[in-house]
Amino acid sequence: MKKGLVIAAALLAAPLFARAADAEPGKVIVGLYHAAPGKQLELLKWLAARDAVDKEAGVAATQIYAHTDGDSWDYLVIAPQLTDAEGAKVDEIAKKKGLKVGFPAGLEFRSLIQTHTDTYARGPTTAAELVKAAGGK
């Protein structure tokens, strides 16, 4: 994955994961997904079902960017890293809706993708905030 893409993805997440100016940047997971051949719509439905669960659980929404030109990925996904409590709540709601969780959910997800990468990042932030954090005023 290109380093610039991760930086750009973190910057794109700014409206979604807004925070107070003096607060520590949030933790996000930036993923690049290549859908399995013929599984584009199934993957989007799978992601949409999880988005509905996240909304019901009250966790921050995942942002999804669809590829239009350039690199080979299909979807760039920026999701918040959940706390243990948030993850448990999400799993509870997913189970009630008949969705798989844990390892079975991972296997199901992998049947819909060809490849993926996940990068854990902090943000959103700005270059000026990072300079300040580095002691560079």
N, C-alpha and C. Protein backbone atom coordinates (compact mmCIF):
# COMPACT_ATOMS: atom_id res chain seq x y z
N MET A 1 0.84 -1.17 0.00
CA MET A 1 0.00 0.00 0.00
C MET A 1 0.89 1.23 0.00
N LYS A 2 0.49 2.22 -0.73
CA LYS A 2 1.27 3.43 -0.82
C LYS A 2 1.12 4.27 0.44
N LYS A 3 2.24 4.77 0.95
CA LYS A 3 2.26 5.56 2.18
C LYS A 3 1.37 6.80 2.05
N GLY A 4 1.42 7.45 0.91
CA GLY A 4 0.61 8.65 0.69
C GLY A 4 -0.87 8.36 0.76
N LEU A 5 -1.27 7.15 0.35
CA LEU A 5 -2.68 6.78 0.38
C LEU A 5 -3.18 6.70 1.81
N VAL A 6 -2.38 6.16 2.71
CA VAL A 6 -2.77 6.08 4.11
C VAL A 6 -2.92 7.47 4.70
N ILE A 7 -1.98 8.35 4.39
CA ILE A 7 -2.05 9.73 4.89
C ILE A 7 -3.30 10.42 4.34
N ALA A 8 -3.55 10.24 3.05
CA ALA A 8 -4.73 10.85 2.44
C ALA A 8 -6.00 10.29 3.06
N ALA A 9 -6.02 8.99 3.32
CA ALA A 9 -7.20 8.36 3.92
C ALA A 9 -7.47 8.93 5.30
N ALA A 10 -6.43 9.10 6.08
CA ALA A 10 -6.60 9.66 7.42
C ALA A 10 -7.15 11.09 7.34
N LEU A 11 -6.68 11.86 6.37
CA LEU A 11 -7.18 13.22 6.21
C LEU A 11 -8.63 13.24 5.75
N LEU A 12 -9.01 12.27 4.92
CA LEU A 12 -10.39 12.18 4.46
C LEU A 12 -11.35 11.86 5.59
N ALA A 13 -10.86 11.23 6.63
CA ALA A 13 -11.70 10.83 7.76
C ALA A 13 -12.03 12.00 8.67
N ALA A 14 -11.44 13.16 8.46
CA ALA A 14 -11.59 14.29 9.36
C ALA A 14 -13.04 14.64 9.69
N PRO A 15 -13.94 14.75 8.72
CA PRO A 15 -15.31 15.12 9.08
C PRO A 15 -16.00 14.06 9.94
N LEU A 16 -15.66 12.82 9.77
CA LEU A 16 -16.33 11.74 10.48
C LEU A 16 -15.86 11.60 11.91
N PHE A 17 -14.58 11.69 12.14
CA PHE A 17 -14.03 11.46 13.46
C PHE A 17 -13.54 12.77 14.06
N ALA A 18 -14.40 13.80 14.00
CA ALA A 18 -14.04 15.12 14.50
C ALA A 18 -13.76 15.06 16.00
N ARG A 19 -12.90 15.94 16.47
CA ARG A 19 -12.53 15.96 17.87
C ARG A 19 -12.20 17.39 18.27
N ALA A 20 -12.11 17.62 19.56
CA ALA A 20 -11.71 18.93 20.06
C ALA A 20 -10.27 19.19 19.68
N ALA A 21 -9.92 20.45 19.49
CA ALA A 21 -8.58 20.81 19.02
C ALA A 21 -7.47 20.29 19.92
N ASP A 22 -7.67 20.28 21.24
CA ASP A 22 -6.62 19.84 22.16
C ASP A 22 -6.70 18.35 22.49
N ALA A 23 -7.69 17.66 21.95
CA ALA A 23 -7.85 16.23 22.25
C ALA A 23 -6.84 15.40 21.45
N GLU A 24 -6.57 14.24 21.99
CA GLU A 24 -5.68 13.28 21.32
C GLU A 24 -6.40 12.78 20.05
N PRO A 25 -5.68 12.61 18.94
CA PRO A 25 -6.33 12.07 17.74
C PRO A 25 -6.93 10.69 18.02
N GLY A 26 -8.02 10.39 17.33
CA GLY A 26 -8.65 9.09 17.50
C GLY A 26 -7.83 7.99 16.84
N LYS A 27 -8.26 6.76 17.05
CA LYS A 27 -7.61 5.61 16.44
C LYS A 27 -8.54 5.07 15.37
N VAL A 28 -8.00 4.88 14.18
CA VAL A 28 -8.80 4.37 13.07
C VAL A 28 -8.09 3.18 12.43
N ILE A 29 -8.86 2.43 11.67
CA ILE A 29 -8.32 1.34 10.86
C ILE A 29 -8.60 1.71 9.41
N VAL A 30 -7.56 1.80 8.62
CA VAL A 30 -7.68 2.12 7.20
C VAL A 30 -7.48 0.82 6.43
N GLY A 31 -8.49 0.43 5.67
CA GLY A 31 -8.42 -0.81 4.92
C GLY A 31 -8.58 -0.59 3.43
N LEU A 32 -7.87 -1.38 2.67
CA LEU A 32 -8.05 -1.40 1.21
C LEU A 32 -8.56 -2.78 0.85
N TYR A 33 -9.70 -2.84 0.18
CA TYR A 33 -10.31 -4.11 -0.17
C TYR A 33 -10.34 -4.30 -1.67
N HIS A 34 -9.98 -5.50 -2.10
CA HIS A 34 -10.16 -5.94 -3.48
C HIS A 34 -11.26 -7.00 -3.42
N ALA A 35 -12.42 -6.71 -3.97
CA ALA A 35 -13.53 -7.67 -3.93
C ALA A 35 -13.18 -8.91 -4.73
N ALA A 36 -13.68 -10.04 -4.29
CA ALA A 36 -13.52 -11.28 -5.05
C ALA A 36 -14.31 -11.13 -6.35
N PRO A 37 -13.84 -11.76 -7.43
CA PRO A 37 -14.56 -11.64 -8.70
C PRO A 37 -16.03 -12.03 -8.54
N GLY A 38 -16.90 -11.17 -9.01
CA GLY A 38 -18.33 -11.41 -8.96
C GLY A 38 -18.96 -11.21 -7.59
N LYS A 39 -18.21 -10.71 -6.62
CA LYS A 39 -18.72 -10.57 -5.25
C LYS A 39 -18.86 -9.11 -4.80
N GLN A 40 -18.79 -8.17 -5.75
CA GLN A 40 -18.87 -6.74 -5.40
C GLN A 40 -20.14 -6.42 -4.61
N LEU A 41 -21.30 -6.80 -5.15
CA LEU A 41 -22.56 -6.46 -4.51
C LEU A 41 -22.71 -7.18 -3.17
N GLU A 42 -22.31 -8.44 -3.10
CA GLU A 42 -22.38 -9.18 -1.83
C GLU A 42 -21.51 -8.52 -0.76
N LEU A 43 -20.31 -8.07 -1.16
CA LEU A 43 -19.43 -7.39 -0.22
C LEU A 43 -20.07 -6.10 0.28
N LEU A 44 -20.64 -5.32 -0.63
CA LEU A 44 -21.29 -4.07 -0.22
C LEU A 44 -22.47 -4.34 0.71
N LYS A 45 -23.24 -5.38 0.46
CA LYS A 45 -24.36 -5.74 1.35
C LYS A 45 -23.84 -6.17 2.71
N TRP A 46 -22.74 -6.91 2.73
CA TRP A 46 -22.13 -7.36 3.98
C TRP A 46 -21.69 -6.13 4.79
N LEU A 47 -21.03 -5.19 4.13
CA LEU A 47 -20.57 -3.97 4.80
C LEU A 47 -21.76 -3.12 5.28
N ALA A 48 -22.81 -3.04 4.47
CA ALA A 48 -24.00 -2.26 4.83
C ALA A 48 -24.68 -2.85 6.07
N ALA A 49 -24.73 -4.17 6.17
CA ALA A 49 -25.33 -4.81 7.34
C ALA A 49 -24.54 -4.46 8.60
N ARG A 50 -23.22 -4.43 8.48
CA ARG A 50 -22.39 -4.06 9.63
C ARG A 50 -22.53 -2.58 9.96
N ASP A 51 -22.69 -1.73 8.94
CA ASP A 51 -22.92 -0.31 9.18
C ASP A 51 -24.20 -0.10 9.99
N ALA A 52 -25.25 -0.86 9.65
CA ALA A 52 -26.53 -0.74 10.37
C ALA A 52 -26.35 -1.14 11.84
N VAL A 53 -25.58 -2.18 12.09
CA VAL A 53 -25.31 -2.61 13.46
C VAL A 53 -24.53 -1.53 14.21
N ASP A 54 -23.50 -0.97 13.57
CA ASP A 54 -22.71 0.09 14.20
C ASP A 54 -23.59 1.28 14.57
N LYS A 55 -24.49 1.64 13.67
CA LYS A 55 -25.38 2.78 13.93
C LYS A 55 -26.26 2.49 15.13
N GLU A 56 -26.83 1.28 15.18
CA GLU A 56 -27.68 0.90 16.31
C GLU A 56 -26.88 0.88 17.62
N ALA A 57 -25.62 0.48 17.54
CA ALA A 57 -24.77 0.42 18.73
C ALA A 57 -24.27 1.80 19.15
N GLY A 58 -24.45 2.79 18.29
CA GLY A 58 -24.02 4.15 18.62
C GLY A 58 -22.54 4.41 18.43
N VAL A 59 -21.87 3.57 17.63
CA VAL A 59 -20.45 3.80 17.37
C VAL A 59 -20.31 4.63 16.09
N ALA A 60 -19.16 5.27 15.95
CA ALA A 60 -18.93 6.11 14.78
C ALA A 60 -19.07 5.31 13.49
N ALA A 61 -19.61 5.95 12.50
CA ALA A 61 -19.83 5.29 11.20
C ALA A 61 -18.51 5.04 10.49
N THR A 62 -18.49 3.99 9.70
CA THR A 62 -17.35 3.69 8.84
C THR A 62 -17.51 4.46 7.55
N GLN A 63 -16.42 5.02 7.06
CA GLN A 63 -16.44 5.70 5.76
C GLN A 63 -15.94 4.74 4.71
N ILE A 64 -16.61 4.74 3.56
CA ILE A 64 -16.18 3.88 2.46
C ILE A 64 -16.03 4.75 1.20
N TYR A 65 -14.89 4.62 0.56
CA TYR A 65 -14.62 5.31 -0.69
C TYR A 65 -14.52 4.27 -1.79
N ALA A 66 -15.29 4.45 -2.86
CA ALA A 66 -15.27 3.52 -3.98
C ALA A 66 -14.25 3.97 -5.02
N HIS A 67 -13.46 3.03 -5.48
CA HIS A 67 -12.42 3.29 -6.48
C HIS A 67 -13.06 3.75 -7.79
N THR A 68 -12.48 4.75 -8.41
CA THR A 68 -12.95 5.18 -9.72
C THR A 68 -11.85 5.16 -10.77
N ASP A 69 -10.60 5.39 -10.35
CA ASP A 69 -9.51 5.43 -11.31
C ASP A 69 -8.20 5.37 -10.55
N GLY A 70 -7.19 4.79 -11.15
CA GLY A 70 -5.87 4.77 -10.51
C GLY A 70 -5.47 3.39 -10.06
N ASP A 71 -5.17 3.26 -8.77
CA ASP A 71 -4.66 2.01 -8.20
C ASP A 71 -5.68 0.87 -8.35
N SER A 72 -5.34 -0.30 -7.85
CA SER A 72 -6.15 -1.49 -8.11
C SER A 72 -7.18 -1.83 -7.03
N TRP A 73 -7.26 -1.09 -5.94
CA TRP A 73 -8.23 -1.41 -4.89
C TRP A 73 -9.65 -1.07 -5.34
N ASP A 74 -10.63 -1.73 -4.72
CA ASP A 74 -12.04 -1.45 -5.01
C ASP A 74 -12.63 -0.47 -4.01
N TYR A 75 -12.30 -0.68 -2.72
CA TYR A 75 -12.87 0.16 -1.66
C TYR A 75 -11.80 0.51 -0.64
N LEU A 76 -11.77 1.78 -0.26
CA LEU A 76 -10.94 2.25 0.84
C LEU A 76 -11.91 2.46 2.00
N VAL A 77 -11.63 1.83 3.11
CA VAL A 77 -12.53 1.85 4.26
C VAL A 77 -11.81 2.44 5.46
N ILE A 78 -12.43 3.42 6.10
CA ILE A 78 -11.87 4.04 7.30
C ILE A 78 -12.87 3.82 8.43
N ALA A 79 -12.46 3.04 9.41
CA ALA A 79 -13.35 2.69 10.52
C ALA A 79 -12.70 3.05 11.84
N PRO A 80 -13.50 3.42 12.83
CA PRO A 80 -12.92 3.68 14.15
C PRO A 80 -12.47 2.38 14.80
N GLN A 81 -11.40 2.45 15.59
CA GLN A 81 -11.02 1.30 16.41
C GLN A 81 -11.95 1.33 17.63
N LEU A 82 -12.66 0.26 17.85
CA LEU A 82 -13.63 0.20 18.94
C LEU A 82 -12.97 -0.22 20.25
N THR A 83 -13.52 0.27 21.33
CA THR A 83 -13.11 -0.22 22.64
C THR A 83 -13.67 -1.63 22.82
N ASP A 84 -13.21 -2.33 23.84
CA ASP A 84 -13.74 -3.67 24.12
C ASP A 84 -15.25 -3.61 24.37
N ALA A 85 -15.69 -2.60 25.12
CA ALA A 85 -17.12 -2.45 25.42
C ALA A 85 -17.93 -2.18 24.16
N GLU A 86 -17.41 -1.31 23.29
CA GLU A 86 -18.12 -1.03 22.03
C GLU A 86 -18.18 -2.28 21.16
N GLY A 87 -17.07 -3.01 21.08
CA GLY A 87 -17.02 -4.23 20.29
C GLY A 87 -18.02 -5.26 20.80
N ALA A 88 -18.13 -5.39 22.12
CA ALA A 88 -19.08 -6.34 22.71
C ALA A 88 -20.52 -5.95 22.38
N LYS A 89 -20.80 -4.65 22.42
CA LYS A 89 -22.15 -4.17 22.10
C LYS A 89 -22.47 -4.43 20.63
N VAL A 90 -21.50 -4.17 19.76
CA VAL A 90 -21.68 -4.41 18.33
C VAL A 90 -21.94 -5.90 18.08
N ASP A 91 -21.15 -6.75 18.72
CA ASP A 91 -21.33 -8.20 18.54
C ASP A 91 -22.70 -8.66 19.02
N GLU A 92 -23.13 -8.14 20.16
CA GLU A 92 -24.43 -8.51 20.71
C GLU A 92 -25.56 -8.17 19.74
N ILE A 93 -25.52 -6.97 19.18
CA ILE A 93 -26.55 -6.54 18.24
C ILE A 93 -26.47 -7.37 16.95
N ALA A 94 -25.25 -7.61 16.48
CA ALA A 94 -25.08 -8.40 15.26
C ALA A 94 -25.67 -9.80 15.43
N LYS A 95 -25.40 -10.43 16.57
CA LYS A 95 -25.94 -11.77 16.84
C LYS A 95 -27.46 -11.76 16.82
N LYS A 96 -28.06 -10.73 17.44
CA LYS A 96 -29.53 -10.61 17.47
C LYS A 96 -30.10 -10.49 16.07
N LYS A 97 -29.33 -9.92 15.15
CA LYS A 97 -29.77 -9.75 13.77
C LYS A 97 -29.42 -10.97 12.91
N GLY A 98 -28.82 -11.98 13.52
CA GLY A 98 -28.48 -13.20 12.79
C GLY A 98 -27.19 -13.10 11.99
N LEU A 99 -26.37 -12.10 12.30
CA LEU A 99 -25.10 -11.93 11.60
C LEU A 99 -24.00 -12.69 12.35
N LYS A 100 -23.03 -13.13 11.62
CA LYS A 100 -21.89 -13.82 12.22
C LYS A 100 -20.97 -12.81 12.89
N VAL A 101 -20.31 -13.25 13.94
CA VAL A 101 -19.33 -12.41 14.64
C VAL A 101 -18.07 -13.24 14.87
N GLY A 102 -16.99 -12.56 15.24
CA GLY A 102 -15.74 -13.25 15.55
C GLY A 102 -15.16 -13.96 14.34
N PHE A 103 -14.56 -15.12 14.60
CA PHE A 103 -13.88 -15.87 13.54
C PHE A 103 -14.82 -16.24 12.38
N PRO A 104 -16.05 -16.72 12.66
CA PRO A 104 -16.96 -17.02 11.54
C PRO A 104 -17.24 -15.80 10.65
N ALA A 105 -17.33 -14.61 11.25
CA ALA A 105 -17.54 -13.40 10.46
C ALA A 105 -16.32 -13.11 9.60
N GLY A 106 -15.13 -13.35 10.17
CA GLY A 106 -13.90 -13.15 9.40
C GLY A 106 -13.82 -14.08 8.20
N LEU A 107 -14.22 -15.33 8.39
CA LEU A 107 -14.23 -16.28 7.27
C LEU A 107 -15.24 -15.85 6.20
N GLU A 108 -16.40 -15.41 6.65
CA GLU A 108 -17.42 -14.95 5.71
C GLU A 108 -16.91 -13.75 4.91
N PHE A 109 -16.30 -12.79 5.61
CA PHE A 109 -15.74 -11.62 4.96
C PHE A 109 -14.69 -12.01 3.92
N ARG A 110 -13.82 -12.94 4.28
CA ARG A 110 -12.75 -13.35 3.37
C ARG A 110 -13.27 -14.08 2.13
N SER A 111 -14.48 -14.62 2.20
CA SER A 111 -15.07 -15.25 1.02
C SER A 111 -15.53 -14.20 0.00
N LEU A 112 -15.62 -12.95 0.44
CA LEU A 112 -16.12 -11.87 -0.41
C LEU A 112 -15.00 -11.00 -0.98
N ILE A 113 -13.79 -11.21 -0.51
CA ILE A 113 -12.67 -10.39 -0.96
C ILE A 113 -11.58 -11.26 -1.58
N GLN A 114 -10.83 -10.63 -2.45
CA GLN A 114 -9.66 -11.29 -3.05
C GLN A 114 -8.44 -11.04 -2.17
N THR A 115 -8.24 -9.77 -1.81
CA THR A 115 -7.16 -9.37 -0.91
C THR A 115 -7.61 -8.15 -0.13
N HIS A 116 -6.91 -7.89 0.98
CA HIS A 116 -7.14 -6.66 1.72
C HIS A 116 -5.91 -6.34 2.55
N THR A 117 -5.82 -5.09 2.94
CA THR A 117 -4.79 -4.65 3.88
C THR A 117 -5.48 -3.82 4.95
N ASP A 118 -4.95 -3.87 6.14
CA ASP A 118 -5.43 -3.03 7.24
C ASP A 118 -4.24 -2.29 7.81
N THR A 119 -4.41 -1.01 8.05
CA THR A 119 -3.38 -0.19 8.66
C THR A 119 -4.01 0.55 9.83
N TYR A 120 -3.40 0.43 10.99
CA TYR A 120 -3.89 1.14 12.16
C TYR A 120 -3.23 2.51 12.19
N ALA A 121 -4.05 3.54 12.40
CA ALA A 121 -3.55 4.91 12.32
C ALA A 121 -4.19 5.77 13.42
N ARG A 122 -3.59 6.92 13.65
CA ARG A 122 -4.14 7.92 14.56
C ARG A 122 -4.59 9.09 13.71
N GLY A 123 -5.75 9.63 14.03
CA GLY A 123 -6.23 10.78 13.29
C GLY A 123 -7.73 10.90 13.43
N PRO A 124 -8.30 11.87 12.81
CA PRO A 124 -7.64 12.81 11.94
C PRO A 124 -6.82 13.82 12.73
N THR A 125 -5.87 14.39 12.03
CA THR A 125 -5.04 15.43 12.60
C THR A 125 -4.59 16.33 11.44
N THR A 126 -3.75 17.27 11.75
CA THR A 126 -3.21 18.15 10.71
C THR A 126 -1.69 18.10 10.79
N ALA A 127 -1.05 18.54 9.74
CA ALA A 127 0.41 18.60 9.75
C ALA A 127 0.89 19.54 10.86
N ALA A 128 0.20 20.65 11.07
CA ALA A 128 0.59 21.60 12.12
C ALA A 128 0.51 20.95 13.50
N GLU A 129 -0.54 20.15 13.75
CA GLU A 129 -0.66 19.48 15.05
C GLU A 129 0.45 18.45 15.24
N LEU A 130 0.83 17.77 14.18
CA LEU A 130 1.91 16.80 14.29
C LEU A 130 3.26 17.48 14.54
N VAL A 131 3.47 18.63 13.90
CA VAL A 131 4.69 19.40 14.16
C VAL A 131 4.74 19.81 15.62
N LYS A 132 3.61 20.29 16.15
CA LYS A 132 3.55 20.71 17.54
C LYS A 132 3.82 19.52 18.47
N ALA A 133 3.22 18.36 18.18
CA ALA A 133 3.43 17.17 18.99
C ALA A 133 4.88 16.71 18.97
N ALA A 134 5.56 16.99 17.87
CA ALA A 134 6.96 16.59 17.73
C ALA A 134 7.90 17.61 18.38
N GLY A 135 7.34 18.67 18.95
CA GLY A 135 8.15 19.69 19.61
C GLY A 135 8.72 20.70 18.64
N GLY A 136 8.23 20.72 17.43
CA GLY A 136 8.75 21.65 16.43
C GLY A 136 8.01 22.96 16.34
N LYS A 137 7.16 23.25 17.31
CA LYS A 137 6.37 24.47 17.40
C LYS A 137 5.55 24.59 16.18
